[in-house]
Each structure stands twice: as structure tokens, then as C-alpha cells.
Protein backbone atom coordinates (compact mmCIF):
# COMPACT_ATOMS: atom_id res chain seq x y z
CA MET A 1 -9.93 -30.87 8.75
CA ASN A 2 -8.24 -27.95 10.54
CA ARG A 3 -8.29 -24.65 8.73
CA ARG A 4 -5.03 -23.70 7.05
CA VAL A 5 -3.87 -20.26 5.91
CA ALA A 6 -1.45 -19.18 3.16
CA VAL A 7 0.37 -15.89 3.79
CA ALA A 8 2.60 -13.72 1.61
CA ALA A 9 4.39 -11.15 3.77
CA THR A 10 7.14 -8.55 3.62
CA GLY A 11 9.62 -10.43 5.78
CA GLN A 12 10.18 -13.52 7.89
CA GLN A 13 8.99 -12.02 11.19
CA ALA A 14 5.79 -10.73 9.59
CA LEU A 15 5.20 -14.16 8.04
CA GLU A 16 5.80 -15.92 11.35
CA GLY A 17 3.39 -13.54 13.09
CA GLY A 18 0.68 -14.30 10.56
CA LEU A 19 1.23 -18.05 10.67
CA ALA A 20 1.30 -18.05 14.49
CA VAL A 21 -2.19 -16.58 14.76
CA ALA A 22 -3.36 -18.99 12.05
CA GLU A 23 -2.07 -21.91 14.13
CA ALA A 24 -3.95 -20.42 17.10
CA GLY A 25 -7.23 -20.67 15.19
CA GLY A 26 -7.26 -17.47 13.20
CA ASN A 27 -8.61 -17.10 9.68
CA ALA A 28 -7.12 -15.25 6.71
CA VAL A 29 -8.11 -11.86 8.15
CA ASP A 30 -6.45 -12.64 11.50
CA ALA A 31 -3.27 -13.77 9.74
CA ALA A 32 -3.15 -10.73 7.45
CA LEU A 33 -3.73 -8.31 10.33
CA ALA A 34 -1.11 -9.90 12.58
CA ALA A 35 1.46 -9.95 9.77
CA SER A 36 0.63 -6.32 8.98
CA TRP A 37 1.12 -5.21 12.58
CA VAL A 38 4.56 -6.86 12.53
CA ALA A 39 5.48 -5.18 9.23
CA LEU A 40 4.41 -1.81 10.61
CA ALA A 41 6.57 -2.36 13.70
CA THR A 42 9.71 -3.62 11.95
CA GLU A 43 10.17 -1.62 8.75
CA PRO A 44 10.99 1.93 9.93
CA GLY A 45 11.26 4.35 7.05
CA MET A 46 9.08 2.13 4.89
CA VAL A 47 5.79 1.82 6.79
CA SER A 48 4.48 2.75 10.23
CA ILE A 49 1.36 2.76 12.37
CA GLY A 50 1.25 6.52 11.76
CA GLY A 51 0.08 6.11 8.16
CA GLY A 52 -2.90 4.85 6.18
CA ALA A 53 -4.10 1.49 4.85
CA TYR A 54 -6.78 -0.31 2.89
CA VAL A 55 -8.03 -3.69 4.08
CA SER A 56 -9.67 -5.67 1.29
CA ILE A 57 -11.73 -8.65 2.48
CA TRP A 58 -13.78 -11.21 0.58
CA PRO A 59 -15.47 -13.50 3.13
CA ALA A 60 -16.13 -17.07 2.11
CA ASN A 61 -19.87 -16.48 2.39
CA GLY A 62 -20.24 -12.82 1.55
CA ASP A 63 -19.51 -10.00 -0.85
CA PRO A 64 -16.10 -8.31 -1.16
CA VAL A 65 -15.55 -5.09 0.79
CA VAL A 66 -12.71 -2.64 1.27
CA ILE A 67 -12.16 -0.92 4.63
CA ASP A 68 -10.80 2.53 3.82
CA GLY A 69 -8.29 3.51 6.49
CA ASN A 70 -6.43 5.95 4.27
CA VAL A 71 -5.05 9.20 5.62
CA GLU A 72 -7.26 12.26 5.72
CA MET A 73 -6.80 16.03 5.35
CA PRO A 74 -6.62 17.49 8.88
CA GLY A 75 -7.60 20.92 10.19
CA ARG A 76 -11.05 20.54 11.79
CA ASP A 77 -11.61 23.38 14.29
CA GLY A 78 -8.09 24.55 13.56
CA ASP A 79 -6.64 27.90 12.55
CA PRO A 80 -6.86 28.22 8.72
CA GLY A 81 -3.76 30.38 8.89
CA ARG A 82 -1.69 27.31 9.73
CA ARG A 83 -2.13 25.98 6.20
CA GLY A 84 0.98 26.32 4.09
CA HIS A 85 3.27 26.17 7.12
CA GLY A 86 5.17 23.52 9.05
CA LEU A 87 6.69 22.08 5.86
CA ARG A 88 10.35 21.33 5.25
CA ARG A 89 11.59 20.73 1.70
CA VAL A 90 13.75 17.63 1.26
CA GLU A 91 15.54 16.65 -1.92
CA THR A 92 16.89 13.12 -2.20
CA PRO A 93 18.45 11.09 -5.02
CA TYR A 94 16.22 8.13 -4.04
CA GLY A 95 14.23 6.77 -6.98
CA GLY A 96 16.20 8.80 -9.51
CA GLY A 97 15.55 12.05 -7.65
CA VAL A 98 12.59 12.94 -5.45
CA THR A 99 11.52 16.27 -3.98
CA LEU A 100 9.19 15.97 -1.00
CA PHE A 101 8.02 17.94 1.99
CA ALA A 102 8.43 16.70 5.56
CA GLY A 103 7.81 18.09 9.04
CA HIS A 104 4.69 18.59 11.13
CA GLY A 105 2.78 20.28 8.31
CA SER A 106 3.24 17.23 6.09
CA VAL A 107 1.34 14.86 8.40
CA ALA A 108 -2.17 13.78 7.44
CA THR A 109 -4.60 12.27 9.94
CA PRO A 110 -3.57 8.59 10.20
CA GLY A 111 -6.12 5.81 9.77
CA ILE A 112 -4.38 2.46 10.29
CA VAL A 113 -5.33 1.86 13.93
CA PRO A 114 -9.07 2.58 13.51
CA ALA A 115 -9.23 0.62 10.22
CA PHE A 116 -7.55 -2.44 11.76
CA ALA A 117 -9.93 -2.17 14.70
CA VAL A 118 -12.97 -2.35 12.39
CA ALA A 119 -11.46 -5.29 10.48
CA THR A 120 -10.79 -7.11 13.76
CA ASP A 121 -14.27 -6.49 15.16
CA ARG A 122 -16.12 -7.51 12.00
CA TYR A 123 -14.06 -10.21 10.32
CA ALA A 124 -11.36 -11.64 12.64
CA GLU A 125 -11.83 -14.54 15.05
CA LEU A 126 -9.06 -13.82 17.55
CA SER A 127 -8.88 -10.90 19.97
CA TRP A 128 -7.33 -7.48 19.34
CA ALA A 129 -4.63 -8.23 21.91
CA GLU A 130 -3.76 -11.60 20.33
CA LEU A 131 -3.27 -9.98 16.92
CA LEU A 132 -0.97 -7.29 18.38
CA ARG A 133 1.20 -9.70 20.37
CA PRO A 134 3.66 -10.73 17.57
CA ALA A 135 4.35 -7.08 16.69
CA THR A 136 4.88 -6.15 20.34
CA HIS A 137 7.43 -8.93 20.75
CA ALA A 138 9.22 -8.01 17.52
CA ALA A 139 9.54 -4.33 18.43
CA GLY A 140 10.73 -5.10 21.96
CA ASP A 141 12.96 -8.13 21.38
CA GLY A 142 14.49 -6.86 18.16
CA TYR A 143 14.25 -7.32 14.41
CA PRO A 144 16.62 -7.21 11.44
CA MET A 145 16.55 -4.01 9.40
CA SER A 146 15.07 -5.04 6.07
CA PRO A 147 17.36 -4.61 3.05
CA ALA A 148 14.67 -2.52 1.30
CA ALA A 149 14.43 -0.16 4.28
CA ALA A 150 18.21 0.01 4.54
CA ARG A 151 18.48 1.02 0.89
CA TYR A 152 15.86 3.75 1.33
CA LEU A 153 17.46 5.02 4.54
CA SER A 154 20.89 5.20 2.92
CA TYR A 155 19.43 8.18 1.04
CA THR A 156 17.15 9.66 3.72
CA ALA A 157 18.32 8.77 7.25
CA ASP A 158 19.96 12.16 7.79
CA SER A 159 18.22 14.46 5.31
CA LEU A 160 14.68 13.33 6.17
CA PHE A 161 14.83 11.79 9.66
CA GLY A 162 17.76 13.78 11.08
CA ALA A 163 15.63 16.71 12.29
CA ASP A 164 13.97 14.62 15.05
CA PRO A 165 16.36 12.80 17.44
CA GLU A 166 13.75 10.15 18.33
CA ALA A 167 13.07 9.36 14.68
CA HIS A 168 16.76 9.43 13.75
CA ALA A 169 17.54 6.93 16.52
CA LEU A 170 15.02 4.49 15.02
CA VAL A 171 16.68 4.44 11.60
CA THR A 172 20.39 4.50 12.60
CA ARG A 173 22.84 2.91 15.01
CA ALA A 174 23.47 4.46 18.43
CA ASP A 175 26.37 6.48 16.99
CA GLY A 176 24.19 7.85 14.18
CA SER A 177 25.70 5.70 11.42
CA LEU A 178 23.63 3.77 8.90
CA LEU A 179 22.22 0.35 9.69
CA ASP A 180 22.98 -2.42 7.23
CA GLY A 181 20.32 -4.68 5.78
CA GLY A 182 19.85 -7.61 8.17
CA GLU A 183 21.43 -5.78 11.12
CA ALA A 184 19.53 -6.19 14.40
CA THR A 185 17.77 -3.19 15.92
CA ARG A 186 14.88 -2.50 18.35
CA ASN A 187 12.08 -0.04 19.04
CA PRO A 188 11.34 -0.38 22.78
CA LEU A 189 9.15 2.75 22.87
CA LEU A 190 6.91 1.25 20.18
CA ALA A 191 6.75 -2.04 22.10
CA GLU A 192 5.44 -0.10 25.12
CA THR A 193 2.93 1.74 22.91
CA LEU A 194 1.69 -1.53 21.41
CA GLU A 195 1.31 -3.07 24.88
CA ARG A 196 -0.89 -0.12 25.85
CA LEU A 197 -2.80 -0.35 22.58
CA ALA A 198 -3.57 -4.02 23.29
CA VAL A 199 -5.07 -3.09 26.67
CA GLU A 200 -6.67 0.30 25.97
CA GLY A 201 -7.82 -0.39 22.42
CA PRO A 202 -7.93 2.07 19.51
CA GLU A 203 -9.13 4.91 21.78
CA LEU A 204 -5.45 5.30 22.74
CA PHE A 205 -4.90 6.82 19.29
CA ARG A 206 -8.30 8.54 19.12
CA THR A 207 -8.70 10.44 22.39
CA GLY A 208 -6.18 8.79 24.71
CA GLU A 209 -2.67 9.71 25.74
CA VAL A 210 -1.03 9.02 22.36
CA ALA A 211 -3.66 11.15 20.61
CA GLN A 212 -3.14 13.98 23.10
CA SER A 213 0.64 13.84 22.65
CA LEU A 214 0.24 14.05 18.87
CA VAL A 215 -2.15 17.03 19.04
CA GLN A 216 0.08 18.94 21.47
CA ASP A 217 3.13 18.34 19.30
CA MET A 218 1.26 19.51 16.19
CA LEU A 219 0.05 22.68 17.91
CA ALA A 220 3.57 23.52 19.10
CA ASN A 221 5.26 22.95 15.72
CA GLY A 222 2.95 24.19 12.97
CA GLY A 223 1.12 20.95 12.22
CA LEU A 224 -2.52 20.78 11.17
CA ILE A 225 -3.87 17.75 13.10
CA THR A 226 -6.35 18.67 15.84
CA ALA A 227 -8.14 16.71 18.55
CA ALA A 228 -11.30 16.95 16.43
CA ASP A 229 -9.52 15.30 13.49
CA LEU A 230 -8.58 12.25 15.55
CA ALA A 231 -11.95 12.02 17.30
CA CYS A 232 -13.93 12.39 14.05
CA TYR A 233 -11.90 9.97 11.91
CA GLU A 234 -14.02 7.00 10.85
CA PRO A 235 -12.93 4.08 8.64
CA ARG A 236 -15.28 3.69 5.70
CA ILE A 237 -16.47 0.29 4.54
CA ARG A 238 -17.19 0.28 0.82
CA PRO A 239 -18.27 -2.44 -1.60
CA ALA A 240 -15.24 -3.43 -3.66
CA HIS A 241 -15.20 -2.49 -7.34
CA ARG A 242 -15.53 -5.67 -9.40
CA VAL A 243 -14.29 -6.42 -12.90
CA ARG A 244 -14.43 -9.64 -14.94
CA LEU A 245 -11.08 -10.99 -16.09
CA GLY A 246 -11.45 -14.29 -17.94
CA GLU A 247 -12.84 -16.80 -15.45
CA TRP A 248 -12.05 -14.49 -12.56
CA ASP A 249 -14.26 -12.06 -10.66
CA ILE A 250 -11.71 -9.48 -9.49
CA ALA A 251 -12.52 -7.10 -6.60
CA THR A 252 -10.34 -4.05 -6.03
CA ASN A 253 -10.19 -0.72 -4.22
CA PRO A 254 -13.10 1.57 -5.25
CA PRO A 255 -13.07 5.39 -5.53
CA PRO A 256 -11.93 7.70 -3.99
CA SER A 257 -8.84 5.51 -4.25
CA VAL A 258 -6.97 6.23 -7.47
CA GLY A 259 -5.05 2.96 -7.70
CA GLY A 260 -8.10 0.69 -7.70
CA PRO A 261 -10.03 2.43 -10.51
CA MET A 262 -6.90 2.74 -12.67
CA LEU A 263 -6.14 -0.97 -12.20
CA ALA A 264 -9.76 -1.87 -13.02
CA VAL A 265 -9.63 0.14 -16.26
CA MET A 266 -6.34 -1.49 -17.28
CA LEU A 267 -7.66 -4.99 -16.61
CA SER A 268 -10.94 -4.35 -18.44
CA GLU A 269 -9.09 -3.18 -21.50
CA LEU A 270 -6.70 -6.14 -21.36
CA ALA A 271 -9.71 -8.46 -21.32
CA HIS A 272 -11.18 -6.69 -24.36
CA ARG A 273 -7.88 -7.16 -26.22
CA ASP A 274 -7.40 -10.79 -25.33
CA HIS A 275 -6.96 -11.77 -29.03
CA GLY A 276 -8.86 -15.00 -28.48
CA GLY A 277 -6.23 -16.25 -26.04
CA ARG A 278 -3.50 -16.18 -28.71
CA GLY A 279 -0.90 -14.74 -26.37
CA TRP A 280 0.50 -11.72 -24.63
CA ASP A 281 0.87 -8.55 -26.72
CA TRP A 282 3.30 -6.04 -25.20
CA SER A 283 2.09 -3.32 -27.56
CA ASP A 284 -1.33 -3.58 -25.90
CA VAL A 285 0.26 -3.31 -22.47
CA VAL A 286 2.22 -0.18 -23.38
CA GLU A 287 -0.69 1.49 -25.16
CA ILE A 288 -3.14 0.80 -22.30
CA GLN A 289 -0.74 2.09 -19.66
CA ARG A 290 -0.01 5.22 -21.69
CA ALA A 291 -3.72 6.02 -22.03
CA VAL A 292 -4.66 5.32 -18.41
CA LEU A 293 -1.68 6.91 -16.67
CA GLY A 294 -1.73 9.90 -19.00
CA TYR A 295 -5.39 10.47 -18.18
CA ARG A 296 -4.65 10.18 -14.49
CA LEU A 297 -1.86 12.76 -14.49
CA SER A 298 -3.56 15.33 -16.71
CA ILE A 299 -7.20 15.04 -15.59
CA HIS A 300 -8.14 12.65 -12.78
CA ASP A 301 -5.63 13.75 -10.13
CA LEU A 302 -6.75 17.38 -10.53
CA SER A 303 -10.36 16.58 -9.67
CA GLU A 304 -11.95 18.29 -6.65
CA ASP A 305 -13.98 15.13 -5.92
CA LEU A 306 -11.98 11.92 -6.47
CA GLU A 307 -14.91 9.69 -5.53
CA SER A 308 -17.27 11.14 -8.15
CA ALA A 309 -14.46 11.37 -10.71
CA GLY A 310 -13.54 7.72 -10.14
CA GLN A 311 -17.13 6.52 -10.56
CA ALA A 312 -17.52 8.59 -13.74
CA LEU A 313 -14.28 7.14 -15.12
CA LEU A 314 -15.37 3.55 -14.50
CA GLU A 315 -18.81 4.16 -16.05
CA ALA A 316 -17.33 5.86 -19.12
CA VAL A 317 -14.83 3.08 -19.77
CA GLU A 318 -17.55 0.44 -19.34
CA LEU A 319 -19.61 2.17 -22.04
CA HIS A 320 -16.91 3.33 -24.44
CA GLY A 321 -13.74 1.39 -23.67
CA ILE A 322 -10.37 3.04 -23.32
CA SER A 323 -11.23 5.67 -25.91
CA ALA A 324 -13.14 7.41 -23.09
CA LEU A 325 -9.79 8.36 -21.54
CA ARG A 326 -8.40 10.28 -24.41
CA GLY A 327 -9.37 13.89 -23.85
CA SER A 328 4.83 7.02 -2.35
CA SER A 329 7.00 4.77 -2.75
CA SER A 330 7.10 3.54 0.76
CA THR A 331 4.38 0.94 1.11
CA ALA A 332 3.98 -2.65 2.24
CA HIS A 333 1.50 -5.36 1.34
CA ILE A 334 0.25 -8.56 3.01
CA SER A 335 -1.90 -11.25 1.32
CA ALA A 336 -3.70 -14.16 2.99
CA VAL A 337 -6.16 -16.88 1.92
CA ASP A 338 -7.49 -19.67 4.11
CA SER A 339 -8.80 -23.14 3.27
CA ASP A 340 -12.37 -22.03 4.08
CA GLY A 341 -12.17 -19.54 1.22
CA ASN A 342 -11.76 -16.31 3.20
CA VAL A 343 -9.50 -13.81 1.44
CA CYS A 344 -7.73 -10.72 2.82
CA ALA A 345 -5.34 -8.24 1.19
CA ILE A 346 -3.86 -5.29 3.12
CA THR A 347 -1.78 -2.48 1.67
CA MET A 348 -0.24 0.13 4.01
CA SER A 349 1.62 3.37 3.40
CA CYS A 350 3.43 6.05 5.37
CA GLY A 351 4.52 7.96 2.27
CA TYR A 352 8.19 8.88 2.35
CA GLY A 353 7.79 9.65 6.06
CA ALA A 354 7.48 13.01 7.84
CA GLY A 355 10.89 12.46 9.46
CA MET A 356 9.42 12.56 12.98
CA CYS A 357 7.69 10.54 15.70
CA ILE A 358 4.76 11.09 17.99
CA PRO A 359 6.94 12.07 20.98
CA GLY A 360 7.76 9.24 23.33
CA THR A 361 5.89 6.54 21.40
CA GLY A 362 8.25 5.15 18.76
CA VAL A 363 5.52 5.78 16.16
CA LEU A 364 6.86 7.36 12.96
CA LEU A 365 4.42 9.64 11.10
CA ASN A 366 3.38 9.92 7.46
CA ASN A 367 4.09 12.81 5.09
CA ALA A 368 1.03 12.38 2.86
CA LEU A 369 0.43 16.17 2.80
CA GLY A 370 3.98 16.62 1.54
CA GLU A 371 3.87 14.19 -1.40
CA VAL A 372 3.45 16.27 -4.53
CA GLU A 373 2.14 13.34 -6.59
CA LEU A 374 -0.73 12.82 -4.11
CA ASN A 375 -1.61 16.52 -3.92
CA ARG A 376 -1.82 17.61 -7.56
CA ARG A 377 -4.15 20.49 -6.68
CA GLY A 378 -1.58 21.84 -4.23
CA LEU A 379 -0.26 21.05 -0.76
CA HIS A 380 -2.87 21.74 1.95
CA ALA A 381 -5.48 22.48 -0.75
CA GLN A 382 -8.17 19.98 0.31
CA PRO A 383 -10.96 20.68 2.83
CA ALA A 384 -10.52 19.10 6.28
CA GLY A 385 -11.90 15.58 6.38
CA THR A 386 -11.12 14.78 2.72
CA ARG A 387 -9.61 11.34 2.09
CA LEU A 388 -6.37 11.88 0.18
CA ALA A 389 -5.46 10.28 -3.12
CA SER A 390 -3.82 6.85 -2.97
CA ASN A 391 -2.15 4.40 -5.33
CA MET A 392 -2.89 1.45 -3.02
CA ALA A 393 -4.92 -1.32 -4.65
CA PRO A 394 -5.21 -4.45 -2.47
CA THR A 395 -7.17 -6.92 -4.60
CA THR A 396 -9.08 -10.16 -4.11
CA GLY A 397 -10.60 -12.57 -6.63
CA ARG A 398 -12.72 -15.68 -7.06
CA THR A 399 -13.80 -18.12 -9.76
CA ASP A 400 -17.04 -20.08 -10.02
CA ASP A 401 -15.19 -23.35 -9.41
CA GLY A 402 -13.92 -22.28 -5.98
CA ARG A 403 -10.49 -20.76 -6.60
CA ALA A 404 -9.63 -17.67 -4.55
CA LEU A 405 -6.83 -15.07 -4.70
CA SER A 406 -5.40 -12.28 -2.58
CA ILE A 407 -2.84 -10.00 -4.22
CA GLY A 408 -1.24 -6.58 -3.95
CA SER A 409 2.00 -4.65 -4.14
CA PRO A 410 3.90 -1.64 -2.83
CA GLY A 411 5.48 0.74 -5.32
CA ALA A 412 3.62 4.10 -5.66
CA ASP A 413 2.19 4.46 -9.18
CA ARG A 414 3.91 1.21 -10.21
CA ILE A 415 1.40 -0.68 -8.02
CA THR A 416 -1.26 -0.61 -10.73
CA THR A 417 1.07 -1.53 -13.59
CA ALA A 418 2.65 -4.41 -11.63
CA LEU A 419 -0.77 -5.85 -10.73
CA MET A 420 -2.02 -5.33 -14.27
CA LEU A 421 0.78 -7.53 -15.60
CA VAL A 422 0.56 -10.26 -12.95
CA LEU A 423 -3.24 -10.52 -13.03
CA GLY A 424 -3.36 -10.24 -16.81
CA GLN A 425 -0.90 -13.06 -17.37
CA GLY A 426 -2.33 -15.25 -14.60
CA CYS A 427 -6.08 -14.73 -15.03
CA LEU A 428 -6.26 -14.31 -18.81
CA HIS A 429 -3.42 -16.53 -19.96
CA GLY A 430 -3.20 -19.20 -17.26
CA ARG A 431 0.35 -18.53 -16.16
CA ASP A 432 1.21 -19.97 -12.74
CA LEU A 433 1.25 -17.51 -9.86
CA GLN A 434 5.00 -17.41 -9.23
CA GLY A 435 5.76 -17.28 -12.94
CA ALA A 436 3.41 -14.33 -13.40
CA ILE A 437 5.08 -12.48 -10.51
CA ASP A 438 8.58 -13.23 -11.82
CA GLY A 439 7.82 -12.09 -15.38
CA PRO A 440 9.26 -8.83 -16.75
CA ARG A 441 7.65 -5.54 -15.71
CA VAL A 442 6.73 -2.49 -17.75
CA HIS A 443 5.71 0.94 -16.51
CA VAL A 444 4.81 3.76 -18.89
CA ARG A 445 5.72 6.91 -16.95
CA PRO A 446 3.91 10.12 -17.91
CA LEU A 447 6.00 13.27 -17.74
CA GLU A 448 4.84 16.75 -16.77
CA ASP A 449 5.23 17.99 -20.35
CA GLY A 450 2.69 15.43 -21.61
CA SER A 451 5.24 12.99 -23.05
CA PHE A 452 5.91 9.43 -21.89
CA VAL A 453 8.85 7.12 -21.30
CA VAL A 454 8.58 3.31 -21.24
CA GLU A 455 10.50 1.93 -18.25
CA TYR A 456 10.94 -1.84 -18.34
CA GLU A 457 12.96 -4.84 -17.29
CA TYR A 458 14.78 -5.93 -20.42
CA GLU A 459 12.58 -7.82 -22.83
CA PRO A 460 13.15 -7.48 -26.61
CA GLU A 461 9.42 -7.50 -27.39
CA VAL A 462 8.86 -4.54 -25.07
CA GLU A 463 11.67 -2.66 -26.76
CA ARG A 464 10.05 -3.30 -30.16
CA ALA A 465 6.60 -2.30 -28.89
CA ALA A 466 7.89 1.01 -27.54
CA ALA A 467 9.69 1.74 -30.80
CA ALA A 468 6.58 0.91 -32.84
CA LEU A 469 4.56 3.38 -30.77
CA GLY A 470 7.26 6.05 -31.07
CA LEU A 471 8.02 6.16 -27.34
CA PRO A 472 11.45 6.54 -25.71
CA ALA A 473 12.39 3.62 -23.48
CA HIS A 474 14.68 2.94 -20.54
CA ALA A 475 15.64 -0.66 -19.79
CA TYR A 476 16.65 -2.12 -16.43
CA ALA A 477 19.09 -4.99 -16.99
CA GLU A 478 17.66 -7.04 -14.11
CA PRO A 479 14.48 -7.24 -12.03
CA HIS A 480 14.35 -4.09 -9.89
CA MET A 481 12.48 -3.01 -6.72
CA TYR A 482 11.34 0.11 -8.59
CA PHE A 483 8.65 -2.07 -10.19
CA GLY A 484 7.04 -3.06 -6.88
CA GLY A 485 6.99 -6.24 -4.85
CA VAL A 486 3.89 -8.29 -5.57
CA GLY A 487 2.73 -10.72 -2.89
CA ALA A 488 -0.12 -13.17 -3.42
CA ALA A 489 -1.92 -16.06 -1.72
CA TYR A 490 -4.01 -18.58 -3.64
CA LEU A 491 -6.57 -21.32 -3.02
CA SER A 492 -6.74 -23.87 -5.85
CA VAL A 493 -9.82 -25.71 -7.11
CA ASP A 494 -8.80 -28.84 -5.18
CA GLY A 495 -8.29 -26.94 -1.91
CA GLU A 496 -4.50 -26.62 -2.02
CA LEU A 497 -3.02 -23.37 -0.63
CA GLN A 498 -0.10 -21.49 -2.14
CA ALA A 499 1.70 -18.23 -1.41
CA ALA A 500 4.08 -16.45 -3.77
CA GLY A 501 6.37 -13.46 -3.30
CA ASP A 502 8.44 -11.12 -5.40
CA SER A 503 12.24 -11.29 -5.57
CA ARG A 504 12.30 -7.57 -6.39
CA ARG A 505 11.69 -6.85 -2.72
CA GLU A 506 12.13 -8.95 0.39
CA ALA A 507 9.35 -11.50 0.63
CA ALA A 508 8.46 -14.37 2.91
CA VAL A 509 5.72 -16.86 2.12
CA GLY A 510 4.29 -19.87 3.89
CA VAL A 511 1.26 -21.99 4.74
CA SER A 512 0.14 -22.83 8.28
CA GLY A 513 -0.21 -26.40 9.43
């Protein structure tokens, strides 16, 4: 029987790119990578090649790993006096009001291209050029502006991207007005860059012409990235962190990621409070989120060594339970599972965006150094070469009877709470995949003063749980993109493939063959 692949993607073109390489003989990793390249090329303002990513892979006959391609603190062989400069403050009403920093000094060393190269070399079956081809065609021939990107750009097109004419042209019409969701647009410069990347390989972004252009632009405009930063960047392959959830062996992003450890702690505590399978208790959900996210804000994110802090957190919770804790919004996710049992989950982020391109390339850059929530110890405070904090938590799972799962979500710190709810209801309580994704969301948001507010999609039991715990609550009348956009692919015990997407954000799902 020919291999088939289920894909959950961010849009129709990304889905079609993933399914096309599956039809050409690719496995789940090929499909996820191809779909990711398309998403990176067609969602300006949301994600871009100039950001970071985690590629979570569980081979059919191997152990789960995560390829860390997250952004890194730049400044190797650079002038220390450049720190603290090159930043532009931007205030936007997006997300209820966000203050961020953009400009050349906000750009961290990107890791997507080298991470995807490692994933291709080690786990894909098709060539690097074949996986890039759908994205090259989409960027050159045109793509519809996604409604999610259009909503974000309605707040930021001028204030964030207006300082760089090349970047502004990518997120607006030719006359500078806003693009509508679904309106056709193109990125011919990016198509040319991707064509060169297919031929020259990842060295184009490491030491080649694109790398040189980026370094020269940084030097001229107060940025921190040096030639040494790009040449020294190496994706890191780590064993996934595993946690038992009912019948499921769940593998997620290990430290120094923040999202993976926080998700693992939430899921472990949910399993401990399973109440003998008697049902879902929203009071448990709220209490667990309050403990974990409060600990993260007040202690974990201030650590000088996120990798050691994450390992210590996981060990402490394993020994003592949740009592041990008491003391960007712009992302995209692709999930794929194939009929052979290979699983791949990829989450990508460009932060809110630096508001600028690598000159002449069509590649928008990240602003990871300008996101306050990812730099709790201060902007530009980390040593060069440090992997930055991340909420991304691409996750895979298996059962002893042969089921397999790939799942993840965009949504900044709501990534972990969205996945907690979907995995908890599906893996512990047997809810079907689409039903678990469609169910109401809850996010307990910690505030700087140490208090909390329960944000939720209206559900009377959540309202009662928040009141019982003495917490203020804010209800959303309908499902809202604030709570993420979970995408998942699933292999059943009888070999059937399924993909499911989230109505809160644009989603496209399908199965090859």
C-alpha cells in the first residue's frame, strides 16, 4: 500500500504544498517541511524565514527528538557598546495593547534555515530543492493575504513596518493601503531568494550573499548580528521531554524552551488529578494554570540559565507534584503524520516582526530581542550565543497499540494552555480530536503585580470555578484567535489518518492519496 500523509496546516496553499510532496513520495517530515516553507513565504507579518523554529520528530522506528532552530542572542566578535541601541519603541492596540521594540537592534540570529536543513538531511526522503519548490511558486505566482495576518497588519502595517519601504510594500497594496484578508499579493524578491536557496543550500544564509547583506545592514544601522553569529549558529538536536498522559506517551519541547516544560508540568498534574476518569474539572484546570504560569512569570523567566532551570523544574515536579512551584503572538504551526507511523510537528515564530527586511531579499526579520515577555532579565541582557526563551511547544505522541499524534499551536503564552486543554481532554478523557480542539479555552493570565485574571471562552463551569478560587474573570462570547490555533494530525489504531484544525485561526487539513 502506498504511504499516505495527514497534514494540518495554516492555509490552503501550505496544505497543498505538503500534500504535493507527500504524493511525490515524501513522508510526514517532508510534508511538514514543505508546508512550513509555504507558510513562511505567504504569511507576512505573522511568520518569516528570518525567525526561529522547533522541529519535533518521532520516527516510526526511533526515539522522539526536537531540532532546536530557535533564535539566538547575537554579538559574537561585535562591539559591546552596540548593546542597548538600534531599538525603536512601538505601541499598538493589538492584543489589548502591546508595547514592543523593533528595528535592527531587535533582531536575534535566525535559525529556521539551518534547522530545516538538518531536518531535511536526517529525516526527509525528498531533496532540499523539492521541498522548497511549493514555497517558491507561491511567493512568485501570488498568494491570498491570510485573514489572521490582515487583522494583525491592520494594527501594525504603518507603525511597525512603515519604517522600511521594502517591508511596508510586502504588507500593503502598491498605494500603501491595507490589504484585505483573501486579497492576492506577491513577494517576487522572496521567490528569487528561495530559488537561490534551493541551488546554493543553507550556506546562502550562513556565509553567502544573503548573510553578507544582513551583516552589512546590521553594521550600518545599529544591529547586533555579526558574520560570526551566522557562521557559528548550529541547530541543536535534543531528546524530546516525555510525559505519560493516560495511554499516551507524549513528547514535547525540552529545556531551554519554556513552552515545552510548562506544558509537561500542566499535563503531569492533570494526569494526577484525573479523578478516576469521572470527568473534566475546570477548577483543576484554573488552579494548575495559575500555579504554573505564576511560577514562570515570577521565577523561571528570570533565570540566567533556562536549560538548567527547566530541568530542575521538571525534576522537582516529578518528585513533589505541583506544590514544588509555589515559592509572541505571531507564530504558525504545521502537523503531519504518515501511515508508516512517522510524526512531525513544526512551530515557527518571527515574534511581532522587526518591521524590516534583509535588503533586496523579501525576507522579513524577527524582533525576538525586542519582545519584553521573552527578555525578562532585560533587552540585550544575555551573552552572545544564548538561545532565547520561547513559548513554542510542538508535540508528538504515541500509544502502545500503534496510535500516533502530531499537535501544536501558535499563540504566545496561550500555546501551553491551549495544548493542555486539547491533550487533556483527548488523551485522558477520550474526546475525539476535532471535538477537543473545538472545546472552550481557558487561560489564566498572571499580572505583573502578582495577581491573576481568568480569560475564557464562555462556559458557566469556568465562571463558577474562577469565582470559587476568588479570581477575576473575563469571558469571550465566542471562540477567539487570542486562544491559539491548534492543528493536529492523527494515526488511528486501524491505520486511518485524520487531520484537524482550529476555527479560531485559518486552518486547512487534508490527507494525501
